[in-house]
Amino acid sequence: MREVFQKELAEVQGRLVEIAESVTHIIKDATEAFTTSNALLAERAIGMAESNESKALALDELVIRILSRQSPVARDLRILVSALRISASLERMGALAGHIAAIARYRFPGSAIPASLVGTFEEMGRLDVELASKVTELLRNTNVDQAREIQAQDERIDELHRHVFDVVLADDWKENAMFTVDVTLASRYHERFADHVVDISSKVSYLTTGEWHEGE
């Protein structure tokens, strides 16, 4: 029974990694579509986000079946409960990336970003793609140092998010209402995407070390 259970835990981990890889592809296509007004990439990202939701649901069903059959305790129980929460974060990350892509699709053939903020969103997109790649490796290898690196990198996303709001609220902001809404929403989606990465890294760090720090 224990051997079967270990195989099931390995399958759960493998599926989490697969979903994280999918999320990385979604955010990569979505951010490129947003900064370059590429409707084809936007459509692809939206389609992958919908598929990602189905994968997360299937994983949740697997975990629930394991819980009902195996009745795990202690660390094994924490792993499975954490898997449910990590799955939810990954599903949400895919959805947020899909929202970014949707803005690009709706504004095509025009741009959703004024020239003054293109560089900011290019950096936000690059950082979110990097974070998605890192969280994929973290789920594969559960490296505590990498978890801490992820948490530190999120601070730059927060800075860029605040910068977007500072620009939009400044007296010299003269762009139309469409740009105001688009960049405000997109910035929030980027920031929340990174927050979910940090949340996942905190859970992996806790499962690895057994230590939970205030604020994680």
Protein backbone atom coordinates (compact mmCIF):
# COMPACT_ATOMS: atom_id res chain seq x y z
CA MET A 1 0.00 0.00 0.00
CA ARG A 2 2.80 2.39 0.87
CA GLU A 3 4.47 1.86 -2.52
CA VAL A 4 1.20 2.62 -4.30
CA PHE A 5 0.76 5.74 -2.19
CA GLN A 6 4.26 6.98 -3.04
CA LYS A 7 3.53 6.51 -6.74
CA GLU A 8 0.35 8.54 -6.33
CA LEU A 9 2.27 11.34 -4.59
CA ALA A 10 4.79 11.31 -7.44
CA GLU A 11 1.94 11.61 -9.94
CA VAL A 12 0.55 14.61 -8.06
CA GLN A 13 3.95 16.30 -8.17
CA GLY A 14 4.34 15.48 -11.86
CA ARG A 15 0.98 17.01 -12.67
CA LEU A 16 1.79 20.16 -10.71
CA VAL A 17 4.98 20.55 -12.74
CA GLU A 18 3.05 20.00 -15.97
CA ILE A 19 0.52 22.69 -15.07
CA ALA A 20 3.29 25.09 -14.06
CA GLU A 21 4.98 24.52 -17.42
CA SER A 22 1.70 25.32 -19.13
CA VAL A 23 1.35 28.52 -17.11
CA THR A 24 4.85 29.56 -18.20
CA HIS A 25 3.86 29.21 -21.86
CA ILE A 26 0.63 31.13 -21.26
CA ILE A 27 2.26 34.11 -19.55
CA LYS A 28 5.02 34.20 -22.18
CA ASP A 29 2.54 34.39 -25.05
CA ALA A 30 0.23 36.75 -23.17
CA THR A 31 2.90 39.30 -22.27
CA GLU A 32 4.36 39.29 -25.75
CA ALA A 33 0.90 39.71 -27.23
CA PHE A 34 0.23 42.61 -24.88
CA THR A 35 3.43 44.51 -25.65
CA THR A 36 3.46 43.83 -29.41
CA SER A 37 -0.28 43.78 -30.24
CA ASN A 38 -0.04 40.22 -31.55
CA ALA A 39 -3.59 38.83 -31.87
CA LEU A 40 -2.45 35.29 -32.76
CA LEU A 41 -0.38 34.98 -29.58
CA ALA A 42 -3.27 36.43 -27.60
CA GLU A 43 -5.69 33.83 -28.95
CA ARG A 44 -3.22 31.03 -28.22
CA ALA A 45 -2.71 32.23 -24.66
CA ILE A 46 -6.46 32.42 -24.05
CA GLY A 47 -6.95 28.90 -25.39
CA MET A 48 -4.14 27.51 -23.22
CA ALA A 49 -5.60 29.24 -20.15
CA GLU A 50 -8.88 27.41 -20.67
CA SER A 51 -7.04 24.09 -21.04
CA ASN A 52 -4.99 24.86 -17.94
CA GLU A 53 -8.18 25.22 -15.90
CA SER A 54 -9.24 21.70 -16.93
CA LYS A 55 -5.83 20.29 -15.94
CA ALA A 56 -6.05 21.90 -12.51
CA LEU A 57 -9.55 20.50 -11.99
CA ALA A 58 -8.39 17.00 -12.95
CA LEU A 59 -5.51 17.25 -10.48
CA ASP A 60 -7.86 18.34 -7.70
CA GLU A 61 -10.05 15.32 -8.39
CA LEU A 62 -7.00 13.04 -8.21
CA VAL A 63 -5.91 14.49 -4.86
CA ILE A 64 -9.40 14.11 -3.41
CA ARG A 65 -9.50 10.45 -4.50
CA ILE A 66 -6.13 9.83 -2.84
CA LEU A 67 -7.29 11.52 0.35
CA SER A 68 -10.43 9.39 0.48
CA ARG A 69 -8.62 6.09 -0.20
CA GLN A 70 -5.38 6.53 1.74
CA SER A 71 -6.42 8.65 4.75
CA PRO A 72 -2.91 10.18 5.02
CA VAL A 73 -1.64 11.87 8.18
CA ALA A 74 1.16 14.22 9.23
CA ARG A 75 3.47 15.34 6.38
CA ASP A 76 1.72 13.24 3.72
CA LEU A 77 -1.54 14.99 4.54
CA ARG A 78 0.15 18.40 4.39
CA ILE A 79 1.61 17.56 0.98
CA LEU A 80 -1.77 16.68 -0.48
CA VAL A 81 -3.61 19.63 1.05
CA SER A 82 -0.83 21.92 -0.17
CA ALA A 83 -1.14 20.37 -3.63
CA LEU A 84 -4.79 21.44 -3.73
CA ARG A 85 -3.86 25.00 -2.81
CA ILE A 86 -0.91 25.12 -5.22
CA SER A 87 -3.17 23.81 -7.99
CA ALA A 88 -5.62 26.63 -7.27
CA SER A 89 -2.81 29.20 -7.50
CA LEU A 90 -1.56 27.77 -10.79
CA GLU A 91 -5.08 27.79 -12.22
CA ARG A 92 -5.47 31.42 -11.18
CA MET A 93 -2.10 32.35 -12.67
CA GLY A 94 -3.20 30.91 -16.00
CA ALA A 95 -6.44 32.87 -15.79
CA LEU A 96 -4.62 36.13 -15.00
CA ALA A 97 -2.29 35.60 -17.97
CA GLY A 98 -5.37 34.94 -20.09
CA HIS A 99 -6.84 38.27 -18.96
CA ILE A 100 -3.69 40.07 -20.11
CA ALA A 101 -3.96 38.34 -23.48
CA ALA A 102 -7.65 39.25 -23.72
CA ILE A 103 -6.84 42.96 -23.40
CA ALA A 104 -4.38 42.65 -26.28
CA ARG A 105 -6.95 40.83 -28.40
CA TYR A 106 -9.69 43.38 -27.74
CA ARG A 107 -7.44 46.31 -28.69
CA PHE A 108 -6.01 44.73 -31.84
CA PRO A 109 -4.87 46.10 -34.26
CA GLY A 110 -4.18 48.99 -31.90
CA SER A 111 -2.00 48.89 -28.81
CA ALA A 112 -3.27 48.63 -25.24
CA ILE A 113 -0.22 50.51 -23.92
CA PRO A 114 0.81 54.15 -24.45
CA ALA A 115 4.43 54.61 -25.49
CA SER A 116 5.38 55.99 -22.08
CA LEU A 117 4.65 52.64 -20.37
CA VAL A 118 5.84 50.11 -22.95
CA GLY A 119 9.20 49.62 -21.22
CA THR A 120 7.52 49.12 -17.85
CA PHE A 121 5.25 46.40 -19.16
CA GLU A 122 8.06 44.73 -21.05
CA GLU A 123 9.97 44.41 -17.77
CA MET A 124 6.90 43.22 -15.87
CA GLY A 125 6.28 40.60 -18.53
CA ARG A 126 9.89 39.41 -18.51
CA LEU A 127 9.90 39.11 -14.72
CA ASP A 128 6.62 37.20 -14.62
CA VAL A 129 7.90 34.75 -17.24
CA GLU A 130 11.06 34.26 -15.19
CA LEU A 131 9.04 33.71 -12.02
CA ALA A 132 6.82 31.16 -13.74
CA SER A 133 9.89 29.26 -14.96
CA LYS A 134 11.42 29.34 -11.49
CA VAL A 135 8.28 28.08 -9.78
CA THR A 136 8.17 25.20 -12.27
CA GLU A 137 11.70 24.20 -11.26
CA LEU A 138 10.81 24.70 -7.61
CA LEU A 139 7.91 22.28 -7.88
CA ARG A 140 10.19 19.81 -9.63
CA ASN A 141 13.12 20.05 -7.18
CA THR A 142 11.78 21.78 -4.01
CA ASN A 143 14.90 23.89 -3.52
CA VAL A 144 14.52 26.18 -0.49
CA ASP A 145 17.10 28.71 -1.73
CA GLN A 146 15.17 29.05 -4.98
CA ALA A 147 11.98 29.64 -2.99
CA ARG A 148 13.64 32.55 -1.18
CA GLU A 149 14.97 33.95 -4.48
CA ILE A 150 11.45 33.95 -5.87
CA GLN A 151 10.13 35.86 -2.87
CA ALA A 152 12.82 38.52 -3.30
CA GLN A 153 12.17 38.95 -7.04
CA ASP A 154 8.50 39.70 -6.38
CA GLU A 155 9.51 43.03 -4.84
CA ARG A 156 10.51 44.40 -8.25
CA ILE A 157 7.09 43.52 -9.68
CA ASP A 158 5.48 45.44 -6.83
CA GLU A 159 7.67 48.46 -7.60
CA LEU A 160 6.67 48.42 -11.26
CA HIS A 161 3.01 48.03 -10.33
CA ARG A 162 3.21 51.12 -8.11
CA HIS A 163 5.00 52.99 -10.90
CA VAL A 164 2.12 52.35 -13.31
CA PHE A 165 -0.33 53.83 -10.82
CA ASP A 166 1.94 56.81 -10.18
CA VAL A 167 2.08 57.51 -13.92
CA VAL A 168 -1.68 57.15 -14.41
CA LEU A 169 -2.51 59.36 -11.42
CA ALA A 170 0.02 62.08 -12.30
CA ASP A 171 -1.25 65.48 -13.40
CA ASP A 172 0.51 65.18 -16.75
CA TRP A 173 -1.27 61.91 -17.69
CA LYS A 174 -3.21 62.88 -20.81
CA GLU A 175 -4.04 59.48 -22.29
CA ASN A 176 -7.64 58.48 -23.00
CA ALA A 177 -9.85 56.43 -20.70
CA MET A 178 -9.21 53.23 -22.67
CA PHE A 179 -5.47 53.37 -21.99
CA THR A 180 -6.11 54.22 -18.34
CA VAL A 181 -8.34 51.18 -17.82
CA ASP A 182 -6.15 48.80 -19.83
CA VAL A 183 -2.84 49.59 -18.15
CA THR A 184 -4.38 49.68 -14.68
CA LEU A 185 -5.97 46.25 -15.12
CA ALA A 186 -2.92 44.72 -16.82
CA SER A 187 -0.60 45.99 -14.11
CA ARG A 188 -2.84 44.46 -11.45
CA TYR A 189 -2.92 41.13 -13.32
CA HIS A 190 0.90 41.10 -13.49
CA GLU A 191 1.18 41.90 -9.78
CA ARG A 192 -1.34 39.23 -8.75
CA PHE A 193 0.39 36.66 -10.99
CA ALA A 194 3.64 37.26 -9.10
CA ASP A 195 1.82 37.13 -5.75
CA HIS A 196 0.59 33.62 -6.55
CA VAL A 197 4.15 32.56 -7.40
CA VAL A 198 5.29 33.81 -4.00
CA ASP A 199 2.42 31.99 -2.31
CA ILE A 200 3.45 28.72 -3.97
CA SER A 201 7.09 29.22 -3.02
CA SER A 202 6.09 29.80 0.59
CA LYS A 203 4.14 26.55 0.70
CA VAL A 204 7.01 24.59 -0.84
CA SER A 205 9.45 26.17 1.60
CA TYR A 206 7.22 25.22 4.52
CA LEU A 207 6.83 21.62 3.33
CA THR A 208 10.60 21.33 2.93
CA THR A 209 11.74 22.97 6.18
CA GLY A 210 8.71 22.66 8.44
CA GLU A 211 9.07 26.37 9.25
CA TRP A 212 6.39 28.98 8.57
CA HIS A 213 7.45 32.60 8.80
CA GLU A 214 5.15 35.51 9.48
CA GLY A 215 3.88 37.00 6.25
CA GLU A 216 4.23 33.83 4.16
